[in-house]
Amino acid sequence: MTIIDLERLEVWAYVDETDIGRVEVAQRATFTVDTYPSTEFSGVVTAIRPAAEIQNNVVNYVTVLEIGDIGDHVLRPEMTTTVNIQLEGPGSALAVPNGAVRRDEGGTHVLLRAPEEGLQEGDLVLVGEIGPTE
């Protein structure tokens, strides 16, 4: 007989050896389960198991997440999860739509509606294809 306490479940995330060096205890994480694909749950990294597990010739490390509030949802053992661990805080990074980013031989650029020095919070960016000017 197996007894499971559904109030004390945790997520075991398999993190590839190329990424495990950036994962630390206390980092925040989010995850989804196939049962509730549009619901994002929160968690916190509580442990990183020291022994590697090899699956299909890939070295992984089990990273344990404590599950946050799940509301009225029911999570069960062995559910498939997709986990995202927040490696760094948002800091002062600005986000722009992908359609505003331009790449050419000079690098990566964002076109501003009113070009000034640098991109600032609140600036209007141009999105979509930009045709030739006359």
C-alpha atoms as a PDB file:
ATOM      1  CA  MET A   1       0.000   0.000   0.000  1.00  0.00           C
ATOM      2  CA  THR A   2       1.204   3.523  -0.798  1.00  0.00           C
ATOM      3  CA  ILE A   3      -0.071   6.466   1.220  1.00  0.00           C
ATOM      4  CA  ILE A   4       0.157   9.892  -0.386  1.00  0.00           C
ATOM      5  CA  ASP A   5      -0.550  13.204   1.297  1.00  0.00           C
ATOM      6  CA  LEU A   6      -1.883  15.434  -1.514  1.00  0.00           C
ATOM      7  CA  GLU A   7      -1.249  18.490   0.709  1.00  0.00           C
ATOM      8  CA  ARG A   8       2.508  17.861   0.672  1.00  0.00           C
ATOM      9  CA  LEU A   9       3.251  17.305  -3.005  1.00  0.00           C
ATOM     10  CA  GLU A  10       6.391  18.744  -4.580  1.00  0.00           C
ATOM     11  CA  VAL A  11       7.609  19.072  -8.140  1.00  0.00           C
ATOM     12  CA  TRP A  12      10.746  17.275  -9.268  1.00  0.00           C
ATOM     13  CA  ALA A  13      12.163  19.097 -12.268  1.00  0.00           C
ATOM     14  CA  TYR A  14      14.950  17.510 -14.282  1.00  0.00           C
ATOM     15  CA  VAL A  15      17.430  20.270 -15.128  1.00  0.00           C
ATOM     16  CA  ASP A  16      20.068  19.685 -17.799  1.00  0.00           C
ATOM     17  CA  GLU A  17      23.713  19.851 -16.740  1.00  0.00           C
ATOM     18  CA  THR A  18      24.268  22.887 -18.985  1.00  0.00           C
ATOM     19  CA  ASP A  19      21.700  24.889 -16.984  1.00  0.00           C
ATOM     20  CA  ILE A  20      22.083  23.542 -13.441  1.00  0.00           C
ATOM     21  CA  GLY A  21      24.949  25.913 -12.606  1.00  0.00           C
ATOM     22  CA  ARG A  22      22.526  28.860 -12.745  1.00  0.00           C
ATOM     23  CA  VAL A  23      19.864  27.285 -10.514  1.00  0.00           C
ATOM     24  CA  GLU A  24      19.938  28.025  -6.778  1.00  0.00           C
ATOM     25  CA  VAL A  25      17.800  27.245  -3.758  1.00  0.00           C
ATOM     26  CA  ALA A  26      15.149  29.953  -3.120  1.00  0.00           C
ATOM     27  CA  GLN A  27      14.735  30.886  -6.800  1.00  0.00           C
ATOM     28  CA  ARG A  28      11.132  31.353  -7.836  1.00  0.00           C
ATOM     29  CA  ALA A  29       9.584  29.135 -10.474  1.00  0.00           C
ATOM     30  CA  THR A  30       6.346  28.687 -12.357  1.00  0.00           C
ATOM     31  CA  PHE A  31       4.921  25.514 -13.809  1.00  0.00           C
ATOM     32  CA  THR A  32       1.954  24.167 -15.706  1.00  0.00           C
ATOM     33  CA  VAL A  33       0.453  20.690 -15.765  1.00  0.00           C
ATOM     34  CA  ASP A  34      -1.186  19.052 -18.757  1.00  0.00           C
ATOM     35  CA  THR A  35      -4.454  18.755 -16.835  1.00  0.00           C
ATOM     36  CA  TYR A  36      -4.736  22.565 -16.480  1.00  0.00           C
ATOM     37  CA  PRO A  37      -2.738  23.909 -19.458  1.00  0.00           C
ATOM     38  CA  SER A  38      -3.911  27.514 -19.088  1.00  0.00           C
ATOM     39  CA  THR A  39      -3.177  27.717 -15.337  1.00  0.00           C
ATOM     40  CA  GLU A  40       0.270  28.772 -14.167  1.00  0.00           C
ATOM     41  CA  PHE A  41       1.242  27.609 -10.680  1.00  0.00           C
ATOM     42  CA  SER A  42       4.033  29.076  -8.564  1.00  0.00           C
ATOM     43  CA  GLY A  43       6.822  27.358  -6.717  1.00  0.00           C
ATOM     44  CA  VAL A  44      10.201  27.871  -5.071  1.00  0.00           C
ATOM     45  CA  VAL A  45      13.363  25.804  -5.488  1.00  0.00           C
ATOM     46  CA  THR A  46      13.961  24.042  -2.158  1.00  0.00           C
ATOM     47  CA  ALA A  47      16.699  21.560  -3.099  1.00  0.00           C
ATOM     48  CA  ILE A  48      19.010  20.435  -5.878  1.00  0.00           C
ATOM     49  CA  ARG A  49      19.872  16.755  -5.576  1.00  0.00           C
ATOM     50  CA  PRO A  50      23.656  16.224  -5.837  1.00  0.00           C
ATOM     51  CA  ALA A  51      23.485  12.929  -7.745  1.00  0.00           C
ATOM     52  CA  ALA A  52      22.937  13.145 -11.482  1.00  0.00           C
ATOM     53  CA  GLU A  53      20.312  11.103 -13.296  1.00  0.00           C
ATOM     54  CA  ILE A  54      21.080  10.081 -16.854  1.00  0.00           C
ATOM     55  CA  GLN A  55      18.115   9.807 -19.220  1.00  0.00           C
ATOM     56  CA  ASN A  56      18.685   9.084 -22.926  1.00  0.00           C
ATOM     57  CA  ASN A  57      22.391   9.946 -22.545  1.00  0.00           C
ATOM     58  CA  VAL A  58      21.532  13.372 -21.080  1.00  0.00           C
ATOM     59  CA  VAL A  59      22.788  14.298 -17.632  1.00  0.00           C
ATOM     60  CA  ASN A  60      20.065  15.866 -15.478  1.00  0.00           C
ATOM     61  CA  TYR A  61      19.846  16.987 -11.874  1.00  0.00           C
ATOM     62  CA  VAL A  62      16.617  16.705  -9.896  1.00  0.00           C
ATOM     63  CA  THR A  63      15.581  20.149  -8.697  1.00  0.00           C
ATOM     64  CA  VAL A  64      12.836  20.072  -6.055  1.00  0.00           C
ATOM     65  CA  LEU A  65      10.156  22.781  -6.012  1.00  0.00           C
ATOM     66  CA  GLU A  66       7.819  23.565  -3.158  1.00  0.00           C
ATOM     67  CA  ILE A  67       4.385  24.223  -4.627  1.00  0.00           C
ATOM     68  CA  GLY A  68       2.669  27.521  -3.832  1.00  0.00           C
ATOM     69  CA  ASP A  69      -1.071  28.142  -3.645  1.00  0.00           C
ATOM     70  CA  ILE A  70      -2.991  25.969  -6.115  1.00  0.00           C
ATOM     71  CA  GLY A  71      -6.439  27.405  -5.414  1.00  0.00           C
ATOM     72  CA  ASP A  72      -9.255  24.971  -6.132  1.00  0.00           C
ATOM     73  CA  HIS A  73      -7.143  22.801  -8.450  1.00  0.00           C
ATOM     74  CA  VAL A  74      -6.156  19.240  -7.617  1.00  0.00           C
ATOM     75  CA  LEU A  75      -2.586  18.153  -8.354  1.00  0.00           C
ATOM     76  CA  ARG A  76      -1.737  14.475  -8.264  1.00  0.00           C
ATOM     77  CA  PRO A  77       1.478  12.429  -8.181  1.00  0.00           C
ATOM     78  CA  GLU A  78       3.176  11.689 -11.515  1.00  0.00           C
ATOM     79  CA  MET A  79       1.479  14.552 -13.413  1.00  0.00           C
ATOM     80  CA  THR A  80       3.545  15.897 -16.290  1.00  0.00           C
ATOM     81  CA  THR A  81       4.775  19.445 -15.640  1.00  0.00           C
ATOM     82  CA  THR A  82       6.510  22.122 -17.640  1.00  0.00           C
ATOM     83  CA  VAL A  83       8.723  24.153 -15.317  1.00  0.00           C
ATOM     84  CA  ASN A  84      10.290  27.600 -15.744  1.00  0.00           C
ATOM     85  CA  ILE A  85      12.807  28.645 -13.100  1.00  0.00           C
ATOM     86  CA  GLN A  86      13.399  32.388 -12.807  1.00  0.00           C
ATOM     87  CA  LEU A  87      17.171  32.673 -13.032  1.00  0.00           C
ATOM     88  CA  GLU A  88      17.394  36.443 -12.605  1.00  0.00           C
ATOM     89  CA  GLY A  89      15.045  39.160 -11.512  1.00  0.00           C
ATOM     90  CA  PRO A  90      13.618  41.506 -14.104  1.00  0.00           C
ATOM     91  CA  GLY A  91      15.861  44.291 -12.820  1.00  0.00           C
ATOM     92  CA  SER A  92      15.839  47.285 -15.095  1.00  0.00           C
ATOM     93  CA  ALA A  93      15.372  45.369 -18.352  1.00  0.00           C
ATOM     94  CA  LEU A  94      12.864  46.793 -20.822  1.00  0.00           C
ATOM     95  CA  ALA A  95      10.570  44.548 -22.827  1.00  0.00           C
ATOM     96  CA  VAL A  96       9.492  45.309 -26.392  1.00  0.00           C
ATOM     97  CA  PRO A  97       7.357  43.309 -28.829  1.00  0.00           C
ATOM     98  CA  ASN A  98       9.324  40.930 -31.087  1.00  0.00           C
ATOM     99  CA  GLY A  99       7.980  42.827 -34.100  1.00  0.00           C
ATOM    100  CA  ALA A 100       9.879  45.937 -32.967  1.00  0.00           C
ATOM    101  CA  VAL A 101      13.294  44.243 -33.050  1.00  0.00           C
ATOM    102  CA  ARG A 102      15.381  44.598 -36.226  1.00  0.00           C
ATOM    103  CA  ARG A 103      18.556  42.654 -37.014  1.00  0.00           C
ATOM    104  CA  ASP A 104      21.029  43.576 -39.723  1.00  0.00           C
ATOM    105  CA  GLU A 105      24.770  43.515 -40.342  1.00  0.00           C
ATOM    106  CA  GLY A 106      25.143  46.387 -37.848  1.00  0.00           C
ATOM    107  CA  GLY A 107      23.564  44.452 -34.975  1.00  0.00           C
ATOM    108  CA  THR A 108      20.195  44.359 -33.253  1.00  0.00           C
ATOM    109  CA  HIS A 109      18.084  47.512 -33.126  1.00  0.00           C
ATOM    110  CA  VAL A 110      14.709  48.853 -32.055  1.00  0.00           C
ATOM    111  CA  LEU A 111      13.143  51.585 -34.154  1.00  0.00           C
ATOM    112  CA  LEU A 112      11.698  54.384 -32.086  1.00  0.00           C
ATOM    113  CA  ARG A 113       8.852  56.628 -33.168  1.00  0.00           C
ATOM    114  CA  ALA A 114      10.748  59.652 -31.849  1.00  0.00           C
ATOM    115  CA  PRO A 115      14.431  58.630 -32.038  1.00  0.00           C
ATOM    116  CA  GLU A 116      16.489  59.935 -29.187  1.00  0.00           C
ATOM    117  CA  GLU A 117      19.481  58.557 -27.359  1.00  0.00           C
ATOM    118  CA  GLY A 118      18.769  55.078 -26.046  1.00  0.00           C
ATOM    119  CA  LEU A 119      15.528  53.289 -25.316  1.00  0.00           C
ATOM    120  CA  GLN A 120      13.655  54.549 -22.268  1.00  0.00           C
ATOM    121  CA  GLU A 121      10.596  53.238 -20.430  1.00  0.00           C
ATOM    122  CA  GLY A 122       7.461  54.642 -22.073  1.00  0.00           C
ATOM    123  CA  ASP A 123       9.063  55.217 -25.508  1.00  0.00           C
ATOM    124  CA  LEU A 124       6.903  54.343 -28.518  1.00  0.00           C
ATOM    125  CA  VAL A 125       8.469  51.706 -30.773  1.00  0.00           C
ATOM    126  CA  LEU A 126       7.638  50.891 -34.378  1.00  0.00           C
ATOM    127  CA  VAL A 127       6.252  47.389 -34.966  1.00  0.00           C
ATOM    128  CA  GLY A 128       5.911  45.632 -38.318  1.00  0.00           C
ATOM    129  CA  GLU A 129       7.561  46.088 -41.675  1.00  0.00           C
ATOM    130  CA  ILE A 130       9.023  49.489 -42.436  1.00  0.00           C
ATOM    131  CA  GLY A 131       8.924  50.422 -46.093  1.00  0.00           C
ATOM    132  CA  PRO A 132      11.372  52.695 -47.957  1.00  0.00           C
ATOM    133  CA  THR A 133      11.131  56.413 -47.264  1.00  0.00           C
ATOM    134  CA  GLU A 134      10.940  58.963 -50.036  1.00  0.00           C
END
